Amino acid sequence: MSHALDAEIWHNPRCSKSRAALAWLEARGINPQIRRYLETPPDRAALSAMLDALALPPSGLLRAREGGALRGQPEATVLEALLADPALIERPVVRIGARAVIARPAEAIKALLG
């Protein structure tokens, strides 16, 4: 696998799923740009671009437990909440090229390589 892939992971090193996804990538020779999204939250443009790559509305990126109160709210409301509190963003998010997945489990990344 090429080291030159345009790859990015929105990573929380305290999360076992996020660490597993990063290890999965690195085991295949993929060295992604690592965005510690809790320390450096995405701005509106970055979040919108990632949602486009995921082909999901903002509600599709909500964490199950933390985002429960936002379920059923208008997508614009959910987007503003994700921007205001990045802890609401499900993790890890892995983008390779123009496509992305929520890598739960890490093997979901395979869909981006085929």
PDB file of N, CA and C in Angstrom:
ATOM      1  N   MET A   1       0.850  -1.178   0.000  1.00  0.00           N
ATOM      2  CA  MET A   1       0.000   0.000   0.000  1.00  0.00           C
ATOM      3  C   MET A   1       0.892   1.237   0.000  1.00  0.00           C
ATOM      4  N   SER A   2       0.455   2.256  -0.657  1.00  0.00           N
ATOM      5  CA  SER A   2       1.258   3.459  -0.820  1.00  0.00           C
ATOM      6  C   SER A   2       1.188   4.352   0.409  1.00  0.00           C
ATOM      7  N   HIS A   3       2.334   4.923   0.742  1.00  0.00           N
ATOM      8  CA  HIS A   3       2.377   5.905   1.822  1.00  0.00           C
ATOM      9  C   HIS A   3       1.834   7.240   1.349  1.00  0.00           C
ATOM     10  N   ALA A   4       1.678   7.407   0.041  1.00  0.00           N
ATOM     11  CA  ALA A   4       1.292   8.692  -0.522  1.00  0.00           C
ATOM     12  C   ALA A   4      -0.219   8.868  -0.621  1.00  0.00           C
ATOM     13  N   LEU A   5      -0.979   7.927  -0.084  1.00  0.00           N
ATOM     14  CA  LEU A   5      -2.426   8.083  -0.114  1.00  0.00           C
ATOM     15  C   LEU A   5      -2.843   9.356   0.622  1.00  0.00           C
ATOM     16  N   ASP A   6      -3.844  10.029   0.081  1.00  0.00           N
ATOM     17  CA  ASP A   6      -4.426  11.182   0.750  1.00  0.00           C
ATOM     18  C   ASP A   6      -5.380  10.629   1.807  1.00  0.00           C
ATOM     19  N   ALA A   7      -4.888  10.497   3.038  1.00  0.00           N
ATOM     20  CA  ALA A   7      -5.667   9.867   4.101  1.00  0.00           C
ATOM     21  C   ALA A   7      -5.663  10.742   5.348  1.00  0.00           C
ATOM     22  N   GLU A   8      -6.768  10.691   6.051  1.00  0.00           N
ATOM     23  CA  GLU A   8      -6.927  11.479   7.268  1.00  0.00           C
ATOM     24  C   GLU A   8      -7.766  10.686   8.262  1.00  0.00           C
ATOM     25  N   ILE A   9      -7.451  10.824   9.542  1.00  0.00           N
ATOM     26  CA  ILE A   9      -8.266  10.230  10.591  1.00  0.00           C
ATOM     27  C   ILE A   9      -8.595  11.313  11.606  1.00  0.00           C
ATOM     28  N   TRP A  10      -9.864  11.393  11.968  1.00  0.00           N
ATOM     29  CA  TRP A  10     -10.272  12.238  13.086  1.00  0.00           C
ATOM     30  C   TRP A  10     -10.176  11.331  14.292  1.00  0.00           C
ATOM     31  N   HIS A  11      -9.211  11.607  15.141  1.00  0.00           N
ATOM     32  CA  HIS A  11      -8.722  10.670  16.130  1.00  0.00           C
ATOM     33  C   HIS A  11      -8.849  11.202  17.552  1.00  0.00           C
ATOM     34  N   ASN A  12      -9.225  10.306  18.451  1.00  0.00           N
ATOM     35  CA  ASN A  12      -9.194  10.568  19.882  1.00  0.00           C
ATOM     36  C   ASN A  12      -8.322   9.466  20.484  1.00  0.00           C
ATOM     37  N   PRO A  13      -7.101   9.775  20.892  1.00  0.00           N
ATOM     38  CA  PRO A  13      -6.196   8.728  21.380  1.00  0.00           C
ATOM     39  C   PRO A  13      -6.698   8.028  22.646  1.00  0.00           C
ATOM     40  N   ARG A  14      -7.672   8.578  23.326  1.00  0.00           N
ATOM     41  CA  ARG A  14      -8.220   7.931  24.520  1.00  0.00           C
ATOM     42  C   ARG A  14      -9.264   6.874  24.172  1.00  0.00           C
ATOM     43  N   CYS A  15      -9.664   6.813  22.904  1.00  0.00           N
ATOM     44  CA  CYS A  15     -10.716   5.888  22.456  1.00  0.00           C
ATOM     45  C   CYS A  15     -10.096   4.628  21.852  1.00  0.00           C
ATOM     46  N   SER A  16     -10.475   3.468  22.362  1.00  0.00           N
ATOM     47  CA  SER A  16      -9.913   2.211  21.849  1.00  0.00           C
ATOM     48  C   SER A  16     -10.278   1.991  20.382  1.00  0.00           C
ATOM     49  N   LYS A  17     -11.474   2.365  19.964  1.00  0.00           N
ATOM     50  CA  LYS A  17     -11.872   2.207  18.553  1.00  0.00           C
ATOM     51  C   LYS A  17     -11.024   3.096  17.652  1.00  0.00           C
ATOM     52  N   SER A  18     -10.737   4.280  18.122  1.00  0.00           N
ATOM     53  CA  SER A  18      -9.915   5.204  17.351  1.00  0.00           C
ATOM     54  C   SER A  18      -8.472   4.695  17.250  1.00  0.00           C
ATOM     55  N   ARG A  19      -7.937   4.211  18.365  1.00  0.00           N
ATOM     56  CA  ARG A  19      -6.584   3.636  18.334  1.00  0.00           C
ATOM     57  C   ARG A  19      -6.528   2.424  17.411  1.00  0.00           C
ATOM     58  N   ALA A  20      -7.586   1.613  17.419  1.00  0.00           N
ATOM     59  CA  ALA A  20      -7.625   0.427  16.553  1.00  0.00           C
ATOM     60  C   ALA A  20      -7.645   0.829  15.080  1.00  0.00           C
ATOM     61  N   ALA A  21      -8.393   1.851  14.741  1.00  0.00           N
ATOM     62  CA  ALA A  21      -8.453   2.299  13.347  1.00  0.00           C
ATOM     63  C   ALA A  21      -7.102   2.839  12.892  1.00  0.00           C
ATOM     64  N   LEU A  22      -6.445   3.607  13.740  1.00  0.00           N
ATOM     65  CA  LEU A  22      -5.123   4.132  13.392  1.00  0.00           C
ATOM     66  C   LEU A  22      -4.133   2.984  13.214  1.00  0.00           C
ATOM     67  N   ALA A  23      -4.171   2.008  14.100  1.00  0.00           N
ATOM     68  CA  ALA A  23      -3.282   0.842  13.987  1.00  0.00           C
ATOM     69  C   ALA A  23      -3.575   0.064  12.708  1.00  0.00           C
ATOM     70  N   TRP A  24      -4.848  -0.072  12.350  1.00  0.00           N
ATOM     71  CA  TRP A  24      -5.252  -0.779  11.130  1.00  0.00           C
ATOM     72  C   TRP A  24      -4.631  -0.102   9.916  1.00  0.00           C
ATOM     73  N   LEU A  25      -4.729   1.227   9.866  1.00  0.00           N
ATOM     74  CA  LEU A  25      -4.144   1.976   8.749  1.00  0.00           C
ATOM     75  C   LEU A  25      -2.627   1.801   8.707  1.00  0.00           C
ATOM     76  N   GLU A  26      -1.986   2.009   9.847  1.00  0.00           N
ATOM     77  CA  GLU A  26      -0.529   1.942   9.888  1.00  0.00           C
ATOM     78  C   GLU A  26      -0.010   0.545   9.553  1.00  0.00           C
ATOM     79  N   ALA A  27      -0.743  -0.494   9.936  1.00  0.00           N
ATOM     80  CA  ALA A  27      -0.338  -1.869   9.618  1.00  0.00           C
ATOM     81  C   ALA A  27      -0.347  -2.118   8.115  1.00  0.00           C
ATOM     82  N   ARG A  28      -1.083  -1.300   7.384  1.00  0.00           N
ATOM     83  CA  ARG A  28      -1.161  -1.432   5.928  1.00  0.00           C
ATOM     84  C   ARG A  28      -0.304  -0.390   5.219  1.00  0.00           C
ATOM     85  N   GLY A  29       0.568   0.257   5.956  1.00  0.00           N
ATOM     86  CA  GLY A  29       1.472   1.232   5.364  1.00  0.00           C
ATOM     87  C   GLY A  29       0.824   2.557   5.036  1.00  0.00           C
ATOM     88  N   ILE A  30      -0.334   2.819   5.607  1.00  0.00           N
ATOM     89  CA  ILE A  30      -1.032   4.087   5.361  1.00  0.00           C
ATOM     90  C   ILE A  30      -0.758   4.995   6.548  1.00  0.00           C
ATOM     91  N   ASN A  31      -0.126   6.120   6.278  1.00  0.00           N
ATOM     92  CA  ASN A  31       0.197   7.079   7.331  1.00  0.00           C
ATOM     93  C   ASN A  31      -0.713   8.292   7.175  1.00  0.00           C
ATOM     94  N   PRO A  32      -1.864   8.260   7.835  1.00  0.00           N
ATOM     95  CA  PRO A  32      -2.835   9.341   7.641  1.00  0.00           C
ATOM     96  C   PRO A  32      -2.434  10.618   8.362  1.00  0.00           C
ATOM     97  N   GLN A  33      -2.970  11.711   7.882  1.00  0.00           N
ATOM     98  CA  GLN A  33      -2.902  12.950   8.650  1.00  0.00           C
ATOM     99  C   GLN A  33      -3.797  12.716   9.869  1.00  0.00           C
ATOM    100  N   ILE A  34      -3.304  12.984  11.051  1.00  0.00           N
ATOM    101  CA  ILE A  34      -4.058  12.749  12.272  1.00  0.00           C
ATOM    102  C   ILE A  34      -4.602  14.075  12.785  1.00  0.00           C
ATOM    103  N   ARG A  35      -5.914  14.142  12.870  1.00  0.00           N
ATOM    104  CA  ARG A  35      -6.560  15.329  13.434  1.00  0.00           C
ATOM    105  C   ARG A  35      -7.139  14.935  14.776  1.00  0.00           C
ATOM    106  N   ARG A  36      -6.584  15.454  15.827  1.00  0.00           N
ATOM    107  CA  ARG A  36      -7.149  15.243  17.166  1.00  0.00           C
ATOM    108  C   ARG A  36      -8.291  16.243  17.299  1.00  0.00           C
ATOM    109  N   TYR A  37      -9.446  15.814  16.828  1.00  0.00           N
ATOM    110  CA  TYR A  37     -10.565  16.718  16.625  1.00  0.00           C
ATOM    111  C   TYR A  37     -11.111  17.335  17.920  1.00  0.00           C
ATOM    112  N   LEU A  38     -10.824  16.738  19.071  1.00  0.00           N
ATOM    113  CA  LEU A  38     -11.259  17.356  20.323  1.00  0.00           C
ATOM    114  C   LEU A  38     -10.353  18.533  20.689  1.00  0.00           C
ATOM    115  N   GLU A  39      -9.081  18.453  20.304  1.00  0.00           N
ATOM    116  CA  GLU A  39      -8.127  19.528  20.571  1.00  0.00           C
ATOM    117  C   GLU A  39      -8.160  20.598  19.485  1.00  0.00           C
ATOM    118  N   THR A  40      -8.385  20.158  18.251  1.00  0.00           N
ATOM    119  CA  THR A  40      -8.452  21.059  17.096  1.00  0.00           C
ATOM    120  C   THR A  40      -9.756  20.757  16.353  1.00  0.00           C
ATOM    121  N   PRO A  41     -10.867  21.307  16.861  1.00  0.00           N
ATOM    122  CA  PRO A  41     -12.163  20.991  16.252  1.00  0.00           C
ATOM    123  C   PRO A  41     -12.238  21.450  14.793  1.00  0.00           C
ATOM    124  N   PRO A  42     -12.983  20.711  13.995  1.00  0.00           N
ATOM    125  CA  PRO A  42     -13.152  21.127  12.603  1.00  0.00           C
ATOM    126  C   PRO A  42     -13.980  22.406  12.524  1.00  0.00           C
ATOM    127  N   ASP A  43     -13.637  23.248  11.561  1.00  0.00           N
ATOM    128  CA  ASP A  43     -14.486  24.407  11.307  1.00  0.00           C
ATOM    129  C   ASP A  43     -15.621  23.975  10.384  1.00  0.00           C
ATOM    130  N   ARG A  44     -16.494  24.894  10.055  1.00  0.00           N
ATOM    131  CA  ARG A  44     -17.670  24.568   9.241  1.00  0.00           C
ATOM    132  C   ARG A  44     -17.273  23.942   7.905  1.00  0.00           C
ATOM    133  N   ALA A  45     -16.258  24.483   7.255  1.00  0.00           N
ATOM    134  CA  ALA A  45     -15.842  23.963   5.948  1.00  0.00           C
ATOM    135  C   ALA A  45     -15.312  22.537   6.074  1.00  0.00           C
ATOM    136  N   ALA A  46     -14.483  22.284   7.084  1.00  0.00           N
ATOM    137  CA  ALA A  46     -13.915  20.942   7.268  1.00  0.00           C
ATOM    138  C   ALA A  46     -15.003  19.933   7.631  1.00  0.00           C
ATOM    139  N   LEU A  47     -15.920  20.326   8.500  1.00  0.00           N
ATOM    140  CA  LEU A  47     -16.995  19.422   8.889  1.00  0.00           C
ATOM    141  C   LEU A  47     -17.912  19.130   7.702  1.00  0.00           C
ATOM    142  N   SER A  48     -18.243  20.155   6.946  1.00  0.00           N
ATOM    143  CA  SER A  48     -19.098  19.955   5.761  1.00  0.00           C
ATOM    144  C   SER A  48     -18.422  19.063   4.727  1.00  0.00           C
ATOM    145  N   ALA A  49     -17.120  19.258   4.523  1.00  0.00           N
ATOM    146  CA  ALA A  49     -16.382  18.426   3.572  1.00  0.00           C
ATOM    147  C   ALA A  49     -16.367  16.971   4.033  1.00  0.00           C
ATOM    148  N   MET A  50     -16.184  16.748   5.341  1.00  0.00           N
ATOM    149  CA  MET A  50     -16.168  15.376   5.845  1.00  0.00           C
ATOM    150  C   MET A  50     -17.554  14.746   5.716  1.00  0.00           C
ATOM    151  N   LEU A  51     -18.595  15.501   5.989  1.00  0.00           N
ATOM    152  CA  LEU A  51     -19.954  14.971   5.823  1.00  0.00           C
ATOM    153  C   LEU A  51     -20.207  14.597   4.364  1.00  0.00           C
ATOM    154  N   ASP A  52     -19.710  15.407   3.437  1.00  0.00           N
ATOM    155  CA  ASP A  52     -19.845  15.082   2.015  1.00  0.00           C
ATOM    156  C   ASP A  52     -19.105  13.778   1.700  1.00  0.00           C
ATOM    157  N   ALA A  53     -17.889  13.626   2.234  1.00  0.00           N
ATOM    158  CA  ALA A  53     -17.105  12.416   1.989  1.00  0.00           C
ATOM    159  C   ALA A  53     -17.782  11.188   2.597  1.00  0.00           C
ATOM    160  N   LEU A  54     -18.440  11.380   3.723  1.00  0.00           N
ATOM    161  CA  LEU A  54     -19.174  10.293   4.378  1.00  0.00           C
ATOM    162  C   LEU A  54     -20.510  10.003   3.692  1.00  0.00           C
ATOM    163  N   ALA A  55     -20.999  10.976   2.914  1.00  0.00           N
ATOM    164  CA  ALA A  55     -22.334  10.907   2.306  1.00  0.00           C
ATOM    165  C   ALA A  55     -23.395  10.738   3.406  1.00  0.00           C
ATOM    166  N   LEU A  56     -23.222  11.536   4.472  1.00  0.00           N
ATOM    167  CA  LEU A  56     -24.142  11.500   5.603  1.00  0.00           C
ATOM    168  C   LEU A  56     -24.638  12.907   5.926  1.00  0.00           C
ATOM    169  N   PRO A  57     -25.852  13.004   6.467  1.00  0.00           N
ATOM    170  CA  PRO A  57     -26.279  14.277   7.026  1.00  0.00           C
ATOM    171  C   PRO A  57     -25.604  14.464   8.382  1.00  0.00           C
ATOM    172  N   PRO A  58     -25.630  15.657   8.945  1.00  0.00           N
ATOM    173  CA  PRO A  58     -24.999  15.867  10.250  1.00  0.00           C
ATOM    174  C   PRO A  58     -25.447  14.870  11.319  1.00  0.00           C
ATOM    175  N   SER A  59     -26.700  14.483  11.318  1.00  0.00           N
ATOM    176  CA  SER A  59     -27.186  13.542  12.332  1.00  0.00           C
ATOM    177  C   SER A  59     -26.513  12.175  12.221  1.00  0.00           C
ATOM    178  N   GLY A  60     -25.994  11.832  11.057  1.00  0.00           N
ATOM    179  CA  GLY A  60     -25.300  10.566  10.867  1.00  0.00           C
ATOM    180  C   GLY A  60     -23.945  10.522  11.546  1.00  0.00           C
ATOM    181  N   LEU A  61     -23.466  11.669  11.984  1.00  0.00           N
ATOM    182  CA  LEU A  61     -22.159  11.755  12.627  1.00  0.00           C
ATOM    183  C   LEU A  61     -22.275  11.910  14.147  1.00  0.00           C
ATOM    184  N   LEU A  62     -23.500  11.908  14.651  1.00  0.00           N
ATOM    185  CA  LEU A  62     -23.715  12.047  16.092  1.00  0.00           C
ATOM    186  C   LEU A  62     -23.351  10.780  16.846  1.00  0.00           C
ATOM    187  N   ARG A  63     -22.658  10.926  17.951  1.00  0.00           N
ATOM    188  CA  ARG A  63     -22.409   9.801  18.844  1.00  0.00           C
ATOM    189  C   ARG A  63     -23.745   9.351  19.422  1.00  0.00           C
ATOM    190  N   ALA A  64     -23.894   8.061  19.591  1.00  0.00           N
ATOM    191  CA  ALA A  64     -25.171   7.494  20.034  1.00  0.00           C
ATOM    192  C   ALA A  64     -25.605   8.021  21.395  1.00  0.00           C
ATOM    193  N   ARG A  65     -24.727   7.928  22.392  1.00  0.00           N
ATOM    194  CA  ARG A  65     -25.123   8.348  23.742  1.00  0.00           C
ATOM    195  C   ARG A  65     -25.158   9.856  23.897  1.00  0.00           C
ATOM    196  N   GLU A  66     -24.070  10.520  23.536  1.00  0.00           N
ATOM    197  CA  GLU A  66     -23.960  11.955  23.772  1.00  0.00           C
ATOM    198  C   GLU A  66     -24.910  12.772  22.900  1.00  0.00           C
ATOM    199  N   GLY A  67     -25.226  12.260  21.723  1.00  0.00           N
ATOM    200  CA  GLY A  67     -26.058  13.024  20.801  1.00  0.00           C
ATOM    201  C   GLY A  67     -27.534  12.700  20.844  1.00  0.00           C
ATOM    202  N   GLY A  68     -27.937  11.867  21.779  1.00  0.00           N
ATOM    203  CA  GLY A  68     -29.324  11.415  21.835  1.00  0.00           C
ATOM    204  C   GLY A  68     -30.357  12.520  21.861  1.00  0.00           C
ATOM    205  N   ALA A  69     -30.083  13.588  22.590  1.00  0.00           N
ATOM    206  CA  ALA A  69     -31.051  14.684  22.700  1.00  0.00           C
ATOM    207  C   ALA A  69     -31.231  15.426  21.378  1.00  0.00           C
ATOM    208  N   LEU A  70     -30.282  15.265  20.467  1.00  0.00           N
ATOM    209  CA  LEU A  70     -30.364  15.954  19.172  1.00  0.00           C
ATOM    210  C   LEU A  70     -31.067  15.124  18.098  1.00  0.00           C
ATOM    211  N   ARG A  71     -31.332  13.857  18.380  1.00  0.00           N
ATOM    212  CA  ARG A  71     -32.014  13.008  17.396  1.00  0.00           C
ATOM    213  C   ARG A  71     -33.373  13.614  17.066  1.00  0.00           C
ATOM    214  N   GLY A  72     -33.664  13.688  15.787  1.00  0.00           N
ATOM    215  CA  GLY A  72     -34.945  14.230  15.347  1.00  0.00           C
ATOM    216  C   GLY A  72     -34.949  15.741  15.179  1.00  0.00           C
ATOM    217  N   GLN A  73     -33.860  16.407  15.563  1.00  0.00           N
ATOM    218  CA  GLN A  73     -33.761  17.853  15.381  1.00  0.00           C
ATOM    219  C   GLN A  73     -33.417  18.151  13.917  1.00  0.00           C
ATOM    220  N   PRO A  74     -33.710  19.370  13.458  1.00  0.00           N
ATOM    221  CA  PRO A  74     -33.329  19.733  12.085  1.00  0.00           C
ATOM    222  C   PRO A  74     -31.820  19.585  11.884  1.00  0.00           C
ATOM    223  N   GLU A  75     -31.427  19.177  10.679  1.00  0.00           N
ATOM    224  CA  GLU A  75     -30.009  18.947  10.391  1.00  0.00           C
ATOM    225  C   GLU A  75     -29.171  20.202  10.642  1.00  0.00           C
ATOM    226  N   ALA A  76     -29.708  21.382  10.380  1.00  0.00           N
ATOM    227  CA  ALA A  76     -28.959  22.617  10.637  1.00  0.00           C
ATOM    228  C   ALA A  76     -28.663  22.764  12.126  1.00  0.00           C
ATOM    229  N   THR A  77     -29.594  22.365  12.966  1.00  0.00           N
ATOM    230  CA  THR A  77     -29.400  22.407  14.421  1.00  0.00           C
ATOM    231  C   THR A  77     -28.316  21.421  14.837  1.00  0.00           C
ATOM    232  N   VAL A  78     -28.353  20.226  14.257  1.00  0.00           N
ATOM    233  CA  VAL A  78     -27.347  19.207  14.568  1.00  0.00           C
ATOM    234  C   VAL A  78     -25.970  19.687  14.125  1.00  0.00           C
ATOM    235  N   LEU A  79     -25.873  20.268  12.946  1.00  0.00           N
ATOM    236  CA  LEU A  79     -24.593  20.781  12.446  1.00  0.00           C
ATOM    237  C   LEU A  79     -24.019  21.811  13.413  1.00  0.00           C
ATOM    238  N   GLU A  80     -24.840  22.744  13.868  1.00  0.00           N
ATOM    239  CA  GLU A  80     -24.369  23.763  14.808  1.00  0.00           C
ATOM    240  C   GLU A  80     -23.898  23.126  16.111  1.00  0.00           C
ATOM    241  N   ALA A  81     -24.598  22.092  16.566  1.00  0.00           N
ATOM    242  CA  ALA A  81     -24.201  21.402  17.800  1.00  0.00           C
ATOM    243  C   ALA A  81     -22.860  20.702  17.626  1.00  0.00           C
ATOM    244  N   LEU A  82     -22.644  20.061  16.473  1.00  0.00           N
ATOM    245  CA  LEU A  82     -21.363  19.396  16.204  1.00  0.00           C
ATOM    246  C   LEU A  82     -20.222  20.402  16.177  1.00  0.00           C
ATOM    247  N   LEU A  83     -20.482  21.565  15.613  1.00  0.00           N
ATOM    248  CA  LEU A  83     -19.454  22.609  15.568  1.00  0.00           C
ATOM    249  C   LEU A  83     -19.167  23.159  16.964  1.00  0.00           C
ATOM    250  N   ALA A  84     -20.194  23.292  17.779  1.00  0.00           N
ATOM    251  CA  ALA A  84     -20.044  23.858  19.119  1.00  0.00           C
ATOM    252  C   ALA A  84     -19.399  22.876  20.095  1.00  0.00           C
ATOM    253  N   ASP A  85     -19.653  21.575  19.891  1.00  0.00           N
ATOM    254  CA  ASP A  85     -19.158  20.563  20.829  1.00  0.00           C
ATOM    255  C   ASP A  85     -18.650  19.346  20.057  1.00  0.00           C
ATOM    256  N   PRO A  86     -17.365  19.330  19.707  1.00  0.00           N
ATOM    257  CA  PRO A  86     -16.843  18.228  18.898  1.00  0.00           C
ATOM    258  C   PRO A  86     -16.921  16.869  19.598  1.00  0.00           C
ATOM    259  N   ALA A  87     -17.160  16.834  20.905  1.00  0.00           N
ATOM    260  CA  ALA A  87     -17.321  15.553  21.606  1.00  0.00           C
ATOM    261  C   ALA A  87     -18.566  14.818  21.121  1.00  0.00           C
ATOM    262  N   LEU A  88     -19.453  15.513  20.424  1.00  0.00           N
ATOM    263  CA  LEU A  88     -20.653  14.877  19.867  1.00  0.00           C
ATOM    264  C   LEU A  88     -20.355  14.100  18.587  1.00  0.00           C
ATOM    265  N   ILE A  89     -19.167  14.303  18.008  1.00  0.00           N
ATOM    266  CA  ILE A  89     -18.798  13.655  16.746  1.00  0.00           C
ATOM    267  C   ILE A  89     -18.403  12.205  17.008  1.00  0.00           C
ATOM    268  N   GLU A  90     -19.041  11.291  16.279  1.00  0.00           N
ATOM    269  CA  GLU A  90     -18.681   9.867  16.378  1.00  0.00           C
ATOM    270  C   GLU A  90     -17.255   9.688  15.905  1.00  0.00           C
ATOM    271  N   ARG A  91     -16.566   8.726  16.485  1.00  0.00           N
ATOM    272  CA  ARG A  91     -15.179   8.492  16.134  1.00  0.00           C
ATOM    273  C   ARG A  91     -14.932   7.007  15.974  1.00  0.00           C
ATOM    274  N   PRO A  92     -13.879   6.695  15.278  1.00  0.00           N
ATOM    275  CA  PRO A  92     -13.034   7.555  14.458  1.00  0.00           C
ATOM    276  C   PRO A  92     -13.642   7.723  13.064  1.00  0.00           C
ATOM    277  N   VAL A  93     -13.327   8.829  12.453  1.00  0.00           N
ATOM    278  CA  VAL A  93     -13.708   9.058  11.061  1.00  0.00           C
ATOM    279  C   VAL A  93     -12.429   8.952  10.239  1.00  0.00           C
ATOM    280  N   VAL A  94     -12.478   8.134   9.198  1.00  0.00           N
ATOM    281  CA  VAL A  94     -11.311   7.949   8.331  1.00  0.00           C
ATOM    282  C   VAL A  94     -11.714   8.334   6.912  1.00  0.00           C
ATOM    283  N   ARG A  95     -10.881   9.204   6.323  1.00  0.00           N
ATOM    284  CA  ARG A  95     -11.089   9.596   4.928  1.00  0.00           C
ATOM    285  C   ARG A  95      -9.875   9.169   4.138  1.00  0.00           C
ATOM    286  N   ILE A  96     -10.131   8.550   3.008  1.00  0.00           N
ATOM    287  CA  ILE A  96      -9.090   8.241   2.030  1.00  0.00           C
ATOM    288  C   ILE A  96      -9.595   8.784   0.702  1.00  0.00           C
ATOM    289  N   GLY A  97      -8.856   9.736   0.163  1.00  0.00           N
ATOM    290  CA  GLY A  97      -9.305  10.380  -1.067  1.00  0.00           C
ATOM    291  C   GLY A  97     -10.578  11.164  -0.817  1.00  0.00           C
ATOM    292  N   ALA A  98     -11.571  10.943  -1.662  1.00  0.00           N
ATOM    293  CA  ALA A  98     -12.812  11.700  -1.586  1.00  0.00           C
ATOM    294  C   ALA A  98     -13.899  11.006  -0.766  1.00  0.00           C
ATOM    295  N   ARG A  99     -13.582   9.826  -0.223  1.00  0.00           N
ATOM    296  CA  ARG A  99     -14.596   9.067   0.516  1.00  0.00           C
ATOM    297  C   ARG A  99     -14.164   8.849   1.955  1.00  0.00           C
ATOM    298  N   ALA A 100     -15.144   8.668   2.825  1.00  0.00           N
ATOM    299  CA  ALA A 100     -14.847   8.471   4.241  1.00  0.00           C
ATOM    300  C   ALA A 100     -15.818   7.474   4.848  1.00  0.00           C
ATOM    301  N   VAL A 101     -15.417   6.924   5.997  1.00  0.00           N
ATOM    302  CA  VAL A 101     -16.279   6.030   6.773  1.00  0.00           C
ATOM    303  C   VAL A 101     -16.079   6.340   8.253  1.00  0.00           C
ATOM    304  N   ILE A 102     -17.086   5.986   9.024  1.00  0.00           N
ATOM    305  CA  ILE A 102     -16.929   5.927  10.470  1.00  0.00           C
ATOM    306  C   ILE A 102     -16.365   4.535  10.721  1.00  0.00           C
ATOM    307  N   ALA A 103     -15.154   4.471  11.210  1.00  0.00           N
ATOM    308  CA  ALA A 103     -14.407   3.206  11.290  1.00  0.00           C
ATOM    309  C   ALA A 103     -14.719   2.452  12.587  1.00  0.00           C
ATOM    310  N   ARG A 104     -15.953   2.061  12.736  1.00  0.00           N
ATOM    311  CA  ARG A 104     -16.420   1.247  13.852  1.00  0.00           C
ATOM    312  C   ARG A 104     -17.108   0.054  13.237  1.00  0.00           C
ATOM    313  N   PRO A 105     -16.450  -1.061  13.090  1.00  0.00           N
ATOM    314  CA  PRO A 105     -15.090  -1.415  13.499  1.00  0.00           C
ATOM    315  C   PRO A 105     -14.061  -0.910  12.492  1.00  0.00           C
ATOM    316  N   ALA A 106     -12.803  -1.057  12.846  1.00  0.00           N
ATOM    317  CA  ALA A 106     -11.714  -0.585  11.989  1.00  0.00           C
ATOM    318  C   ALA A 106     -11.781  -1.196  10.597  1.00  0.00           C
ATOM    319  N   GLU A 107     -12.274  -2.431  10.490  1.00  0.00           N
ATOM    320  CA  GLU A 107     -12.347  -3.115   9.194  1.00  0.00           C
ATOM    321  C   GLU A 107     -13.254  -2.380   8.206  1.00  0.00           C
ATOM    322  N   ALA A 108     -14.077  -1.465   8.688  1.00  0.00           N
ATOM    323  CA  ALA A 108     -14.933  -0.668   7.785  1.00  0.00           C
ATOM    324  C   ALA A 108     -14.089   0.140   6.809  1.00  0.00           C
ATOM    325  N   ILE A 109     -12.829   0.379   7.152  1.00  0.00           N
ATOM    326  CA  ILE A 109     -11.939   1.154   6.286  1.00  0.00           C
ATOM    327  C   ILE A 109     -11.715   0.428   4.967  1.00  0.00           C
ATOM    328  N   LYS A 110     -11.830  -0.888   4.950  1.00  0.00           N
ATOM    329  CA  LYS A 110     -11.629  -1.665   3.709  1.00  0.00           C
ATOM    330  C   LYS A 110     -12.468  -1.122   2.566  1.00  0.00           C
ATOM    331  N   ALA A 111     -13.662  -0.617   2.870  1.00  0.00           N
ATOM    332  CA  ALA A 111     -14.563  -0.103   1.825  1.00  0.00           C
ATOM    333  C   ALA A 111     -13.944   1.073   1.079  1.00  0.00           C
ATOM    334  N   LEU A 112     -13.010   1.765   1.684  1.00  0.00           N
ATOM    335  CA  LEU A 112     -12.375   2.921   1.051  1.00  0.00           C
ATOM    336  C   LEU A 112     -11.220   2.525   0.137  1.00  0.00           C
ATOM    337  N   LEU A 113     -10.767   1.289   0.248  1.00  0.00           N
ATOM    338  CA  LEU A 113      -9.590   0.860  -0.497  1.00  0.00           C
ATOM    339  C   LEU A 113      -9.914   0.098  -1.764  1.00  0.00           C
ATOM    340  N   GLY A 114     -11.171  -0.251  -1.940  1.00  0.00           N
ATOM    341  CA  GLY A 114     -11.542  -1.072  -3.087  1.00  0.00           C
ATOM    342  C   GLY A 114     -12.050  -0.354  -4.269  1.00  0.00           C
TER     343      GLY A 114
END
